[in-house]
Amino acid sequence: MLAALPHSILFLCGMNAVRSPMAEQLARRLLPATTFVASAGVRSGERDPFVDAVLAEEGLTLGERQPRTLEDLEDDYFDLIVTLAPEAHHAALELTRSLAVEVEYWPMPDPTDTGGTREHIMAAYRDVRERLKARISRRFAVPDPKSAAD
């Protein structure tokens, strides 16, 4: 039996520069508009141009959005916090010790660790994007747009 779709979801990673903003944009596309989706990092980060490139391939954009930390969020209550890196998971567990908030850990590789050619790096970012898309679709029982096109 699937759980009800949360009303609000926070994707949390280390610097809100790669995995969590990618997850936020994908979730906004895949989930109903009634679900509030946000992302943040444990620490401050810098915008990553490879994220912009792989999101653009999906017709998505971060617009003028810059990485933000938990302290930057206007609302700090979420039904579900999805952590994408060990550091973020520990921070979320600490943050929610006295709150009734569900925390899920979705370990995702860090594509910034990838070296080599631009195409090799892009492949690592695409891999994370596809993993996030599949995990969001599976977890929230939304059809994967890729399988709908087949």
C-alpha atoms as a PDB file:
ATOM      1  CA  MET A   1       0.000   0.000   0.000  1.00  0.00           C
ATOM      2  CA  LEU A   2       1.398   3.383  -0.977  1.00  0.00           C
ATOM      3  CA  ALA A   3       1.545   6.204   1.523  1.00  0.00           C
ATOM      4  CA  ALA A   4      -0.332   9.402   0.784  1.00  0.00           C
ATOM      5  CA  LEU A   5       1.599  11.971  -1.179  1.00  0.00           C
ATOM      6  CA  PRO A   6       3.249  14.430   1.224  1.00  0.00           C
ATOM      7  CA  HIS A   7       1.989  18.025   1.120  1.00  0.00           C
ATOM      8  CA  SER A   8       5.545  19.374   1.348  1.00  0.00           C
ATOM      9  CA  ILE A   9       8.912  17.854   0.477  1.00  0.00           C
ATOM     10  CA  LEU A  10      12.417  19.169   1.102  1.00  0.00           C
ATOM     11  CA  PHE A  11      15.352  17.740  -0.848  1.00  0.00           C
ATOM     12  CA  LEU A  12      18.537  18.234   1.166  1.00  0.00           C
ATOM     13  CA  CYS A  13      22.160  17.745   0.134  1.00  0.00           C
ATOM     14  CA  GLY A  14      25.561  19.169   1.007  1.00  0.00           C
ATOM     15  CA  MET A  15      25.590  22.530  -0.793  1.00  0.00           C
ATOM     16  CA  ASN A  16      22.298  22.727  -2.738  1.00  0.00           C
ATOM     17  CA  ALA A  17      24.303  23.037  -5.930  1.00  0.00           C
ATOM     18  CA  VAL A  18      23.824  19.703  -7.728  1.00  0.00           C
ATOM     19  CA  ARG A  19      21.650  16.866  -6.416  1.00  0.00           C
ATOM     20  CA  SER A  20      18.993  18.690  -4.400  1.00  0.00           C
ATOM     21  CA  PRO A  21      18.179  21.465  -6.923  1.00  0.00           C
ATOM     22  CA  MET A  22      18.019  18.817  -9.647  1.00  0.00           C
ATOM     23  CA  ALA A  23      15.631  16.746  -7.499  1.00  0.00           C
ATOM     24  CA  GLU A  24      13.541  19.838  -6.741  1.00  0.00           C
ATOM     25  CA  GLN A  25      13.022  20.692 -10.409  1.00  0.00           C
ATOM     26  CA  LEU A  26      12.283  17.092 -11.399  1.00  0.00           C
ATOM     27  CA  ALA A  27       9.790  16.690  -8.532  1.00  0.00           C
ATOM     28  CA  ARG A  28       8.048  19.920  -9.487  1.00  0.00           C
ATOM     29  CA  ARG A  29       7.531  18.518 -12.959  1.00  0.00           C
ATOM     30  CA  LEU A  30       6.465  15.026 -11.868  1.00  0.00           C
ATOM     31  CA  LEU A  31       4.334  15.749  -8.793  1.00  0.00           C
ATOM     32  CA  PRO A  32       0.983  17.525  -8.597  1.00  0.00           C
ATOM     33  CA  ALA A  33       1.124  21.308  -8.183  1.00  0.00           C
ATOM     34  CA  THR A  34      -0.531  20.877  -4.776  1.00  0.00           C
ATOM     35  CA  THR A  35       2.726  19.404  -3.422  1.00  0.00           C
ATOM     36  CA  PHE A  36       5.138  22.086  -2.183  1.00  0.00           C
ATOM     37  CA  VAL A  37       8.707  21.190  -3.161  1.00  0.00           C
ATOM     38  CA  ALA A  38      11.904  22.922  -2.038  1.00  0.00           C
ATOM     39  CA  SER A  39      15.596  22.172  -1.715  1.00  0.00           C
ATOM     40  CA  ALA A  40      18.471  23.331   0.441  1.00  0.00           C
ATOM     41  CA  GLY A  41      21.991  22.475   1.476  1.00  0.00           C
ATOM     42  CA  VAL A  42      23.710  22.000   4.789  1.00  0.00           C
ATOM     43  CA  ARG A  43      26.388  24.512   3.710  1.00  0.00           C
ATOM     44  CA  SER A  44      26.522  27.325   1.154  1.00  0.00           C
ATOM     45  CA  GLY A  45      27.430  26.318  -2.373  1.00  0.00           C
ATOM     46  CA  GLU A  46      27.974  27.795  -5.811  1.00  0.00           C
ATOM     47  CA  ARG A  47      25.693  27.269  -8.782  1.00  0.00           C
ATOM     48  CA  ASP A  48      26.930  24.447 -11.018  1.00  0.00           C
ATOM     49  CA  PRO A  49      26.743  25.016 -14.805  1.00  0.00           C
ATOM     50  CA  PHE A  50      26.556  21.265 -15.476  1.00  0.00           C
ATOM     51  CA  VAL A  51      23.265  21.148 -13.541  1.00  0.00           C
ATOM     52  CA  ASP A  52      21.899  23.890 -15.785  1.00  0.00           C
ATOM     53  CA  ALA A  53      22.992  21.890 -18.849  1.00  0.00           C
ATOM     54  CA  VAL A  54      21.410  18.560 -17.832  1.00  0.00           C
ATOM     55  CA  LEU A  55      18.200  20.241 -16.675  1.00  0.00           C
ATOM     56  CA  ALA A  56      17.980  22.126 -19.985  1.00  0.00           C
ATOM     57  CA  GLU A  57      18.070  18.748 -21.773  1.00  0.00           C
ATOM     58  CA  GLU A  58      14.798  18.000 -19.938  1.00  0.00           C
ATOM     59  CA  GLY A  59      13.298  21.421 -20.701  1.00  0.00           C
ATOM     60  CA  LEU A  60      13.832  22.510 -17.087  1.00  0.00           C
ATOM     61  CA  THR A  61      15.652  25.507 -15.623  1.00  0.00           C
ATOM     62  CA  LEU A  62      16.730  26.840 -12.267  1.00  0.00           C
ATOM     63  CA  GLY A  63      16.038  30.353 -13.533  1.00  0.00           C
ATOM     64  CA  GLU A  64      17.723  32.911 -11.306  1.00  0.00           C
ATOM     65  CA  ARG A  65      17.696  30.581  -8.306  1.00  0.00           C
ATOM     66  CA  GLN A  66      20.931  30.352  -6.336  1.00  0.00           C
ATOM     67  CA  PRO A  67      21.980  27.639  -3.857  1.00  0.00           C
ATOM     68  CA  ARG A  68      20.520  28.127  -0.381  1.00  0.00           C
ATOM     69  CA  THR A  69      20.990  26.666   3.076  1.00  0.00           C
ATOM     70  CA  LEU A  70      18.426  25.473   5.598  1.00  0.00           C
ATOM     71  CA  GLU A  71      18.667  28.887   7.275  1.00  0.00           C
ATOM     72  CA  ASP A  72      17.645  30.569   4.003  1.00  0.00           C
ATOM     73  CA  LEU A  73      14.303  28.742   3.822  1.00  0.00           C
ATOM     74  CA  GLU A  74      11.204  30.789   4.593  1.00  0.00           C
ATOM     75  CA  ASP A  75       9.283  27.736   5.801  1.00  0.00           C
ATOM     76  CA  ASP A  76      11.081  25.130   7.849  1.00  0.00           C
ATOM     77  CA  TYR A  77       8.306  22.579   8.270  1.00  0.00           C
ATOM     78  CA  PHE A  78       8.048  19.752   5.758  1.00  0.00           C
ATOM     79  CA  ASP A  79       6.119  16.488   5.777  1.00  0.00           C
ATOM     80  CA  LEU A  80       9.090  14.711   4.220  1.00  0.00           C
ATOM     81  CA  ILE A  81      12.795  15.498   4.045  1.00  0.00           C
ATOM     82  CA  VAL A  82      14.680  13.506   1.412  1.00  0.00           C
ATOM     83  CA  THR A  83      18.420  13.537   2.000  1.00  0.00           C
ATOM     84  CA  LEU A  84      20.765  12.862  -0.887  1.00  0.00           C
ATOM     85  CA  ALA A  85      24.167  12.813   0.855  1.00  0.00           C
ATOM     86  CA  PRO A  86      25.417  11.424   4.184  1.00  0.00           C
ATOM     87  CA  GLU A  87      26.169  14.896   5.578  1.00  0.00           C
ATOM     88  CA  ALA A  88      22.630  16.027   4.758  1.00  0.00           C
ATOM     89  CA  HIS A  89      21.114  12.913   6.312  1.00  0.00           C
ATOM     90  CA  HIS A  90      22.900  13.493   9.620  1.00  0.00           C
ATOM     91  CA  ALA A  91      21.824  17.155   9.610  1.00  0.00           C
ATOM     92  CA  ALA A  92      18.191  16.217   8.888  1.00  0.00           C
ATOM     93  CA  LEU A  93      18.101  13.643  11.682  1.00  0.00           C
ATOM     94  CA  GLU A  94      19.528  16.215  14.095  1.00  0.00           C
ATOM     95  CA  LEU A  95      17.078  18.871  12.916  1.00  0.00           C
ATOM     96  CA  THR A  96      14.037  16.610  13.231  1.00  0.00           C
ATOM     97  CA  ARG A  97      14.819  14.893  16.537  1.00  0.00           C
ATOM     98  CA  SER A  98      11.908  16.627  18.249  1.00  0.00           C
ATOM     99  CA  LEU A  99       9.658  16.940  15.180  1.00  0.00           C
ATOM    100  CA  ALA A 100       7.236  14.507  13.576  1.00  0.00           C
ATOM    101  CA  VAL A 101       8.876  14.684  10.165  1.00  0.00           C
ATOM    102  CA  GLU A 102       9.638  11.702   7.980  1.00  0.00           C
ATOM    103  CA  VAL A 103      13.258  11.562   6.772  1.00  0.00           C
ATOM    104  CA  GLU A 104      14.330   9.308   3.909  1.00  0.00           C
ATOM    105  CA  TYR A 105      17.884   8.772   2.709  1.00  0.00           C
ATOM    106  CA  TRP A 106      18.311   8.372  -1.048  1.00  0.00           C
ATOM    107  CA  PRO A 107      22.069   7.986  -1.533  1.00  0.00           C
ATOM    108  CA  MET A 108      23.119   9.605  -4.793  1.00  0.00           C
ATOM    109  CA  PRO A 109      26.592   9.720  -6.306  1.00  0.00           C
ATOM    110  CA  ASP A 110      28.294  13.104  -6.385  1.00  0.00           C
ATOM    111  CA  PRO A 111      28.978  13.865 -10.062  1.00  0.00           C
ATOM    112  CA  THR A 112      31.402  16.655  -9.113  1.00  0.00           C
ATOM    113  CA  ASP A 113      33.898  13.893  -8.281  1.00  0.00           C
ATOM    114  CA  THR A 114      33.990  12.938 -11.982  1.00  0.00           C
ATOM    115  CA  GLY A 115      36.930  14.027 -14.116  1.00  0.00           C
ATOM    116  CA  GLY A 116      37.810  13.684 -17.769  1.00  0.00           C
ATOM    117  CA  THR A 117      36.229  15.211 -20.831  1.00  0.00           C
ATOM    118  CA  ARG A 118      33.172  17.444 -20.763  1.00  0.00           C
ATOM    119  CA  GLU A 119      31.108  14.576 -22.201  1.00  0.00           C
ATOM    120  CA  HIS A 120      32.330  12.218 -19.479  1.00  0.00           C
ATOM    121  CA  ILE A 121      31.349  14.749 -16.799  1.00  0.00           C
ATOM    122  CA  MET A 122      27.964  15.367 -18.472  1.00  0.00           C
ATOM    123  CA  ALA A 123      27.327  11.607 -18.457  1.00  0.00           C
ATOM    124  CA  ALA A 124      27.852  11.533 -14.676  1.00  0.00           C
ATOM    125  CA  TYR A 125      25.385  14.421 -14.184  1.00  0.00           C
ATOM    126  CA  ARG A 126      22.860  12.767 -16.525  1.00  0.00           C
ATOM    127  CA  ASP A 127      23.176   9.557 -14.526  1.00  0.00           C
ATOM    128  CA  VAL A 128      22.266  11.402 -11.310  1.00  0.00           C
ATOM    129  CA  ARG A 129      19.366  13.156 -13.072  1.00  0.00           C
ATOM    130  CA  GLU A 130      17.985   9.831 -14.320  1.00  0.00           C
ATOM    131  CA  ARG A 131      18.413   8.167 -10.917  1.00  0.00           C
ATOM    132  CA  LEU A 132      16.535  11.035  -9.266  1.00  0.00           C
ATOM    133  CA  LYS A 133      13.766  10.944 -11.849  1.00  0.00           C
ATOM    134  CA  ALA A 134      13.315   7.184 -11.418  1.00  0.00           C
ATOM    135  CA  ARG A 135      13.390   7.393  -7.620  1.00  0.00           C
ATOM    136  CA  ILE A 136      10.843  10.228  -7.510  1.00  0.00           C
ATOM    137  CA  SER A 137       8.563   8.350  -9.906  1.00  0.00           C
ATOM    138  CA  ARG A 138       8.850   5.127  -7.921  1.00  0.00           C
ATOM    139  CA  ARG A 139       8.504   6.667  -4.452  1.00  0.00           C
ATOM    140  CA  PHE A 140       5.518   8.860  -5.260  1.00  0.00           C
ATOM    141  CA  ALA A 141       3.859   6.482  -7.737  1.00  0.00           C
ATOM    142  CA  VAL A 142       3.951   8.880 -10.653  1.00  0.00           C
ATOM    143  CA  PRO A 143       4.459   7.549 -14.160  1.00  0.00           C
ATOM    144  CA  ASP A 144       8.011   7.859 -15.438  1.00  0.00           C
ATOM    145  CA  PRO A 145       7.796  10.194 -18.475  1.00  0.00           C
ATOM    146  CA  LYS A 146      10.407   8.061 -20.272  1.00  0.00           C
ATOM    147  CA  SER A 147       8.285   4.896 -20.060  1.00  0.00           C
ATOM    148  CA  ALA A 148       5.167   6.837 -21.104  1.00  0.00           C
ATOM    149  CA  ALA A 149       6.919   7.865 -24.310  1.00  0.00           C
ATOM    150  CA  ASP A 150       7.772   4.250 -25.246  1.00  0.00           C
END
